[in-house]
């Protein structure tokens, strides 16, 4: 388990302990962490987030209301 994966697990555990369901975060964030790990990133940056969100072949997320 990478450091980012451990931080994500800790983050989700903390937020759930505070009463948040985090269904979308628990579904999306592991993919983002895997992207960061694959690119050798040790921190979350705006550049990395934009790269992950705009990668080719990615299915767009549907917003509220489908």
PDB file of N, CA and C in Angstrom:
ATOM      1  N   UNK A   1       0.855  -1.176   0.000  1.00  0.00           N
ATOM      2  CA  UNK A   1       0.000   0.000   0.000  1.00  0.00           C
ATOM      3  C   UNK A   1       0.900   1.238   0.000  1.00  0.00           C
ATOM      4  N   UNK A   2       0.651   2.120  -0.953  1.00  0.00           N
ATOM      5  CA  UNK A   2       1.442   3.347  -1.026  1.00  0.00           C
ATOM      6  C   UNK A   2       1.034   4.314   0.082  1.00  0.00           C
ATOM      7  N   UNK A   3       1.858   5.319   0.288  1.00  0.00           N
ATOM      8  CA  UNK A   3       1.545   6.340   1.295  1.00  0.00           C
ATOM      9  C   UNK A   3       0.237   7.050   0.954  1.00  0.00           C
ATOM     10  N   UNK A   4       0.031   7.337  -0.338  1.00  0.00           N
ATOM     11  CA  UNK A   4      -1.214   8.007  -0.730  1.00  0.00           C
ATOM     12  C   UNK A   4      -2.423   7.105  -0.491  1.00  0.00           C
ATOM     13  N   UNK A   5      -2.287   5.806  -0.748  1.00  0.00           N
ATOM     14  CA  UNK A   5      -3.386   4.877  -0.481  1.00  0.00           C
ATOM     15  C   UNK A   5      -3.717   4.845   1.008  1.00  0.00           C
ATOM     16  N   UNK A   6      -2.676   4.873   1.850  1.00  0.00           N
ATOM     17  CA  UNK A   6      -2.896   4.878   3.298  1.00  0.00           C
ATOM     18  C   UNK A   6      -3.570   6.182   3.734  1.00  0.00           C
ATOM     19  N   UNK A   7      -3.126   7.299   3.173  1.00  0.00           N
ATOM     20  CA  UNK A   7      -3.749   8.586   3.490  1.00  0.00           C
ATOM     21  C   UNK A   7      -5.217   8.600   3.065  1.00  0.00           C
ATOM     22  N   UNK A   8      -5.510   8.022   1.908  1.00  0.00           N
ATOM     23  CA  UNK A   8      -6.895   7.947   1.449  1.00  0.00           C
ATOM     24  C   UNK A   8      -7.729   7.098   2.398  1.00  0.00           C
ATOM     25  N   UNK A   9      -7.214   5.955   2.787  1.00  0.00           N
ATOM     26  CA  UNK A   9      -7.945   5.087   3.720  1.00  0.00           C
ATOM     27  C   UNK A   9      -8.207   5.815   5.036  1.00  0.00           C
ATOM     28  N   UNK A  10      -7.201   6.536   5.527  1.00  0.00           N
ATOM     29  CA  UNK A  10      -7.362   7.295   6.772  1.00  0.00           C
ATOM     30  C   UNK A  10      -8.398   8.400   6.598  1.00  0.00           C
ATOM     31  N   UNK A  11      -8.354   9.089   5.466  1.00  0.00           N
ATOM     32  CA  UNK A  11      -9.302  10.164   5.175  1.00  0.00           C
ATOM     33  C   UNK A  11     -10.734   9.639   5.147  1.00  0.00           C
ATOM     34  N   UNK A  12     -10.952   8.545   4.426  1.00  0.00           N
ATOM     35  CA  UNK A  12     -12.299   7.983   4.327  1.00  0.00           C
ATOM     36  C   UNK A  12     -12.796   7.486   5.684  1.00  0.00           C
ATOM     37  N   UNK A  13     -11.911   6.877   6.449  1.00  0.00           N
ATOM     38  CA  UNK A  13     -12.286   6.411   7.787  1.00  0.00           C
ATOM     39  C   UNK A  13     -12.684   7.583   8.678  1.00  0.00           C
ATOM     40  N   UNK A  14     -11.895   8.635   8.662  1.00  0.00           N
ATOM     41  CA  UNK A  14     -12.199   9.810   9.469  1.00  0.00           C
ATOM     42  C   UNK A  14     -13.523  10.434   9.068  1.00  0.00           C
ATOM     43  N   UNK A  15     -13.712  10.655   7.774  1.00  0.00           N
ATOM     44  CA  UNK A  15     -14.946  11.293   7.308  1.00  0.00           C
ATOM     45  C   UNK A  15     -16.161  10.434   7.623  1.00  0.00           C
ATOM     46  N   UNK A  16     -16.040   9.114   7.476  1.00  0.00           N
ATOM     47  CA  UNK A  16     -17.162   8.225   7.811  1.00  0.00           C
ATOM     48  C   UNK A  16     -17.459   8.268   9.305  1.00  0.00           C
ATOM     49  N   UNK A  17     -16.424   8.377  10.129  1.00  0.00           N
ATOM     50  CA  UNK A  17     -16.628   8.451  11.576  1.00  0.00           C
ATOM     51  C   UNK A  17     -17.353   9.734  11.969  1.00  0.00           C
ATOM     52  N   UNK A  18     -17.300  10.728  11.103  1.00  0.00           N
ATOM     53  CA  UNK A  18     -17.995  11.993  11.338  1.00  0.00           C
ATOM     54  C   UNK A  18     -19.402  11.987  10.740  1.00  0.00           C
ATOM     55  N   UNK A  19     -19.807  10.845  10.173  1.00  0.00           N
ATOM     56  CA  UNK A  19     -21.170  10.692   9.694  1.00  0.00           C
ATOM     57  C   UNK A  19     -21.380  10.880   8.206  1.00  0.00           C
ATOM     58  N   UNK A  20     -20.325  11.002   7.441  1.00  0.00           N
ATOM     59  CA  UNK A  20     -20.453  11.178   5.996  1.00  0.00           C
ATOM     60  C   UNK A  20     -20.473   9.820   5.301  1.00  0.00           C
ATOM     61  N   UNK A  21     -21.336   9.656   4.302  1.00  0.00           N
ATOM     62  CA  UNK A  21     -21.402   8.387   3.564  1.00  0.00           C
ATOM     63  C   UNK A  21     -20.266   8.260   2.556  1.00  0.00           C
ATOM     64  N   UNK A  22     -19.988   9.307   1.832  1.00  0.00           N
ATOM     65  CA  UNK A  22     -18.866   9.356   0.889  1.00  0.00           C
ATOM     66  C   UNK A  22     -18.917   8.309  -0.212  1.00  0.00           C
ATOM     67  N   UNK A  23     -20.103   7.969  -0.682  1.00  0.00           N
ATOM     68  CA  UNK A  23     -20.236   6.948  -1.719  1.00  0.00           C
ATOM     69  C   UNK A  23     -19.443   7.326  -2.971  1.00  0.00           C
ATOM     70  N   UNK A  24     -19.576   8.555  -3.432  1.00  0.00           N
ATOM     71  CA  UNK A  24     -18.864   8.967  -4.644  1.00  0.00           C
ATOM     72  C   UNK A  24     -17.364   9.059  -4.402  1.00  0.00           C
ATOM     73  N   UNK A  25     -16.969   9.614  -3.271  1.00  0.00           N
ATOM     74  CA  UNK A  25     -15.545   9.741  -2.967  1.00  0.00           C
ATOM     75  C   UNK A  25     -14.885   8.370  -2.866  1.00  0.00           C
ATOM     76  N   UNK A  26     -15.553   7.427  -2.221  1.00  0.00           N
ATOM     77  CA  UNK A  26     -14.997   6.081  -2.078  1.00  0.00           C
ATOM     78  C   UNK A  26     -14.892   5.378  -3.417  1.00  0.00           C
ATOM     79  N   UNK A  27     -15.695   5.799  -4.377  1.00  0.00           N
ATOM     80  CA  UNK A  27     -15.672   5.210  -5.708  1.00  0.00           C
ATOM     81  C   UNK A  27     -14.630   5.891  -6.598  1.00  0.00           C
ATOM     82  N   UNK A  28     -14.504   7.208  -6.497  1.00  0.00           N
ATOM     83  CA  UNK A  28     -13.621   7.969  -7.381  1.00  0.00           C
ATOM     84  C   UNK A  28     -12.178   8.084  -6.895  1.00  0.00           C
ATOM     85  N   UNK A  29     -11.988   8.328  -5.623  1.00  0.00           N
ATOM     86  CA  UNK A  29     -10.654   8.648  -5.125  1.00  0.00           C
ATOM     87  C   UNK A  29      -9.627   7.526  -5.279  1.00  0.00           C
ATOM     88  N   UNK A  30      -9.993   6.244  -5.146  1.00  0.00           N
ATOM     89  CA  UNK A  30      -8.974   5.219  -5.380  1.00  0.00           C
ATOM     90  C   UNK A  30      -8.385   5.276  -6.801  1.00  0.00           C
ATOM     91  N   UNK A  31      -9.197   5.609  -7.778  1.00  0.00           N
ATOM     92  CA  UNK A  31      -8.690   5.749  -9.142  1.00  0.00           C
ATOM     93  C   UNK A  31      -7.743   6.925  -9.278  1.00  0.00           C
ATOM     94  N   UNK A  32      -8.052   8.005  -8.585  1.00  0.00           N
ATOM     95  CA  UNK A  32      -7.173   9.179  -8.601  1.00  0.00           C
ATOM     96  C   UNK A  32      -5.843   8.845  -7.928  1.00  0.00           C
ATOM     97  N   UNK A  33      -5.901   8.158  -6.795  1.00  0.00           N
ATOM     98  CA  UNK A  33      -4.674   7.768  -6.101  1.00  0.00           C
ATOM     99  C   UNK A  33      -3.845   6.823  -6.975  1.00  0.00           C
ATOM    100  N   UNK A  34      -4.492   5.893  -7.653  1.00  0.00           N
ATOM    101  CA  UNK A  34      -3.765   4.987  -8.555  1.00  0.00           C
ATOM    102  C   UNK A  34      -3.091   5.774  -9.676  1.00  0.00           C
ATOM    103  N   UNK A  35      -3.787   6.785 -10.194  1.00  0.00           N
ATOM    104  CA  UNK A  35      -3.213   7.656 -11.231  1.00  0.00           C
ATOM    105  C   UNK A  35      -1.977   8.369 -10.684  1.00  0.00           C
ATOM    106  N   UNK A  36      -2.094   8.927  -9.488  1.00  0.00           N
ATOM    107  CA  UNK A  36      -0.953   9.626  -8.884  1.00  0.00           C
ATOM    108  C   UNK A  36       0.221   8.680  -8.690  1.00  0.00           C
ATOM    109  N   UNK A  37      -0.061   7.488  -8.167  1.00  0.00           N
ATOM    110  CA  UNK A  37       1.009   6.505  -7.952  1.00  0.00           C
ATOM    111  C   UNK A  37       1.669   6.115  -9.271  1.00  0.00           C
ATOM    112  N   UNK A  38       0.869   5.913 -10.308  1.00  0.00           N
ATOM    113  CA  UNK A  38       1.408   5.512 -11.612  1.00  0.00           C
ATOM    114  C   UNK A  38       2.289   6.592 -12.226  1.00  0.00           C
ATOM    115  N   UNK A  39       2.024   7.842 -11.857  1.00  0.00           N
ATOM    116  CA  UNK A  39       2.799   8.957 -12.398  1.00  0.00           C
ATOM    117  C   UNK A  39       3.892   9.422 -11.436  1.00  0.00           C
ATOM    118  N   UNK A  40       4.095   8.679 -10.362  1.00  0.00           N
ATOM    119  CA  UNK A  40       5.167   9.003  -9.430  1.00  0.00           C
ATOM    120  C   UNK A  40       4.914  10.239  -8.591  1.00  0.00           C
ATOM    121  N   UNK A  41       3.666  10.664  -8.487  1.00  0.00           N
ATOM    122  CA  UNK A  41       3.330  11.843  -7.688  1.00  0.00           C
ATOM    123  C   UNK A  41       3.171  11.430  -6.229  1.00  0.00           C
ATOM    124  N   UNK A  42       3.739  12.224  -5.340  1.00  0.00           N
ATOM    125  CA  UNK A  42       3.642  11.945  -3.919  1.00  0.00           C
ATOM    126  C   UNK A  42       2.695  12.914  -3.211  1.00  0.00           C
ATOM    127  N   UNK A  43       2.230  13.903  -3.953  1.00  0.00           N
ATOM    128  CA  UNK A  43       1.286  14.872  -3.404  1.00  0.00           C
ATOM    129  C   UNK A  43       0.195  15.151  -4.433  1.00  0.00           C
ATOM    130  N   UNK A  44      -0.912  15.640  -3.947  1.00  0.00           N
ATOM    131  CA  UNK A  44      -2.019  16.031  -4.822  1.00  0.00           C
ATOM    132  C   UNK A  44      -1.759  17.455  -5.276  1.00  0.00           C
ATOM    133  N   UNK A  45      -1.809  17.661  -6.580  1.00  0.00           N
ATOM    134  CA  UNK A  45      -1.641  18.999  -7.143  1.00  0.00           C
ATOM    135  C   UNK A  45      -2.793  19.281  -8.096  1.00  0.00           C
ATOM    136  N   UNK A  46      -3.000  20.544  -8.382  1.00  0.00           N
ATOM    137  CA  UNK A  46      -4.021  20.920  -9.346  1.00  0.00           C
ATOM    138  C   UNK A  46      -3.684  20.319 -10.711  1.00  0.00           C
ATOM    139  N   UNK A  47      -2.422  20.367 -11.081  1.00  0.00           N
ATOM    140  CA  UNK A  47      -1.995  19.823 -12.371  1.00  0.00           C
ATOM    141  C   UNK A  47      -2.312  18.335 -12.477  1.00  0.00           C
ATOM    142  N   UNK A  48      -2.037  17.587 -11.417  1.00  0.00           N
ATOM    143  CA  UNK A  48      -2.318  16.150 -11.420  1.00  0.00           C
ATOM    144  C   UNK A  48      -3.823  15.892 -11.478  1.00  0.00           C
ATOM    145  N   UNK A  49      -4.602  16.664 -10.730  1.00  0.00           N
ATOM    146  CA  UNK A  49      -6.056  16.497 -10.738  1.00  0.00           C
ATOM    147  C   UNK A  49      -6.624  16.777 -12.122  1.00  0.00           C
ATOM    148  N   UNK A  50      -6.127  17.818 -12.774  1.00  0.00           N
ATOM    149  CA  UNK A  50      -6.597  18.135 -14.130  1.00  0.00           C
ATOM    150  C   UNK A  50      -6.181  17.047 -15.119  1.00  0.00           C
ATOM    151  N   UNK A  51      -4.978  16.525 -14.967  1.00  0.00           N
ATOM    152  CA  UNK A  51      -4.516  15.449 -15.833  1.00  0.00           C
ATOM    153  C   UNK A  51      -5.373  14.207 -15.688  1.00  0.00           C
ATOM    154  N   UNK A  52      -5.710  13.869 -14.445  1.00  0.00           N
ATOM    155  CA  UNK A  52      -6.556  12.708 -14.179  1.00  0.00           C
ATOM    156  C   UNK A  52      -7.965  12.917 -14.726  1.00  0.00           C
ATOM    157  N   UNK A  53      -8.513  14.093 -14.485  1.00  0.00           N
ATOM    158  CA  UNK A  53      -9.891  14.369 -14.898  1.00  0.00           C
ATOM    159  C   UNK A  53     -10.044  14.473 -16.414  1.00  0.00           C
ATOM    160  N   UNK A  54      -8.982  14.813 -17.110  1.00  0.00           N
ATOM    161  CA  UNK A  54      -9.093  15.010 -18.560  1.00  0.00           C
ATOM    162  C   UNK A  54      -8.373  13.933 -19.367  1.00  0.00           C
ATOM    163  N   UNK A  55      -8.055  12.814 -18.735  1.00  0.00           N
ATOM    164  CA  UNK A  55      -7.342  11.758 -19.460  1.00  0.00           C
ATOM    165  C   UNK A  55      -8.219  11.161 -20.557  1.00  0.00           C
ATOM    166  N   UNK A  56      -7.611  10.750 -21.649  1.00  0.00           N
ATOM    167  CA  UNK A  56      -8.357  10.173 -22.766  1.00  0.00           C
ATOM    168  C   UNK A  56      -9.071   8.883 -22.371  1.00  0.00           C
ATOM    169  N   UNK A  57     -10.238   8.670 -22.940  1.00  0.00           N
ATOM    170  CA  UNK A  57     -10.994   7.457 -22.711  1.00  0.00           C
ATOM    171  C   UNK A  57     -11.783   7.437 -21.422  1.00  0.00           C
ATOM    172  N   UNK A  58     -11.726   8.501 -20.672  1.00  0.00           N
ATOM    173  CA  UNK A  58     -12.438   8.592 -19.404  1.00  0.00           C
ATOM    174  C   UNK A  58     -13.900   8.902 -19.665  1.00  0.00           C
ATOM    175  N   UNK A  59     -14.784   8.173 -18.992  1.00  0.00           N
ATOM    176  CA  UNK A  59     -16.214   8.454 -19.128  1.00  0.00           C
ATOM    177  C   UNK A  59     -16.566   9.659 -18.287  1.00  0.00           C
ATOM    178  N   UNK A  60     -17.313  10.594 -18.842  1.00  0.00           N
ATOM    179  CA  UNK A  60     -17.721  11.758 -18.045  1.00  0.00           C
ATOM    180  C   UNK A  60     -18.689  11.335 -16.942  1.00  0.00           C
ATOM    181  N   UNK A  61     -18.581  12.024 -15.823  1.00  0.00           N
ATOM    182  CA  UNK A  61     -19.501  11.764 -14.712  1.00  0.00           C
ATOM    183  C   UNK A  61     -20.800  12.491 -14.958  1.00  0.00           C
ATOM    184  N   UNK A  62     -21.871  11.882 -14.561  1.00  0.00           N
ATOM    185  CA  UNK A  62     -23.156  12.572 -14.684  1.00  0.00           C
ATOM    186  C   UNK A  62     -23.363  13.403 -13.428  1.00  0.00           C
ATOM    187  N   UNK A  63     -23.885  14.573 -13.599  1.00  0.00           N
ATOM    188  CA  UNK A  63     -24.158  15.450 -12.472  1.00  0.00           C
ATOM    189  C   UNK A  63     -25.490  15.154 -11.852  1.00  0.00           C
ATOM    190  N   UNK A  64     -25.922  16.023 -10.968  1.00  0.00           N
ATOM    191  CA  UNK A  64     -27.221  15.827 -10.336  1.00  0.00           C
ATOM    192  C   UNK A  64     -28.346  15.716 -11.380  1.00  0.00           C
ATOM    193  N   UNK A  65     -29.196  14.773 -11.175  1.00  0.00           N
ATOM    194  CA  UNK A  65     -30.301  14.586 -12.107  1.00  0.00           C
ATOM    195  C   UNK A  65     -29.980  13.695 -13.277  1.00  0.00           C
ATOM    196  N   UNK A  66     -28.756  13.130 -13.309  1.00  0.00           N
ATOM    197  CA  UNK A  66     -28.410  12.154 -14.332  1.00  0.00           C
ATOM    198  C   UNK A  66     -27.757  12.755 -15.481  1.00  0.00           C
TER     199      UNK A  66
END
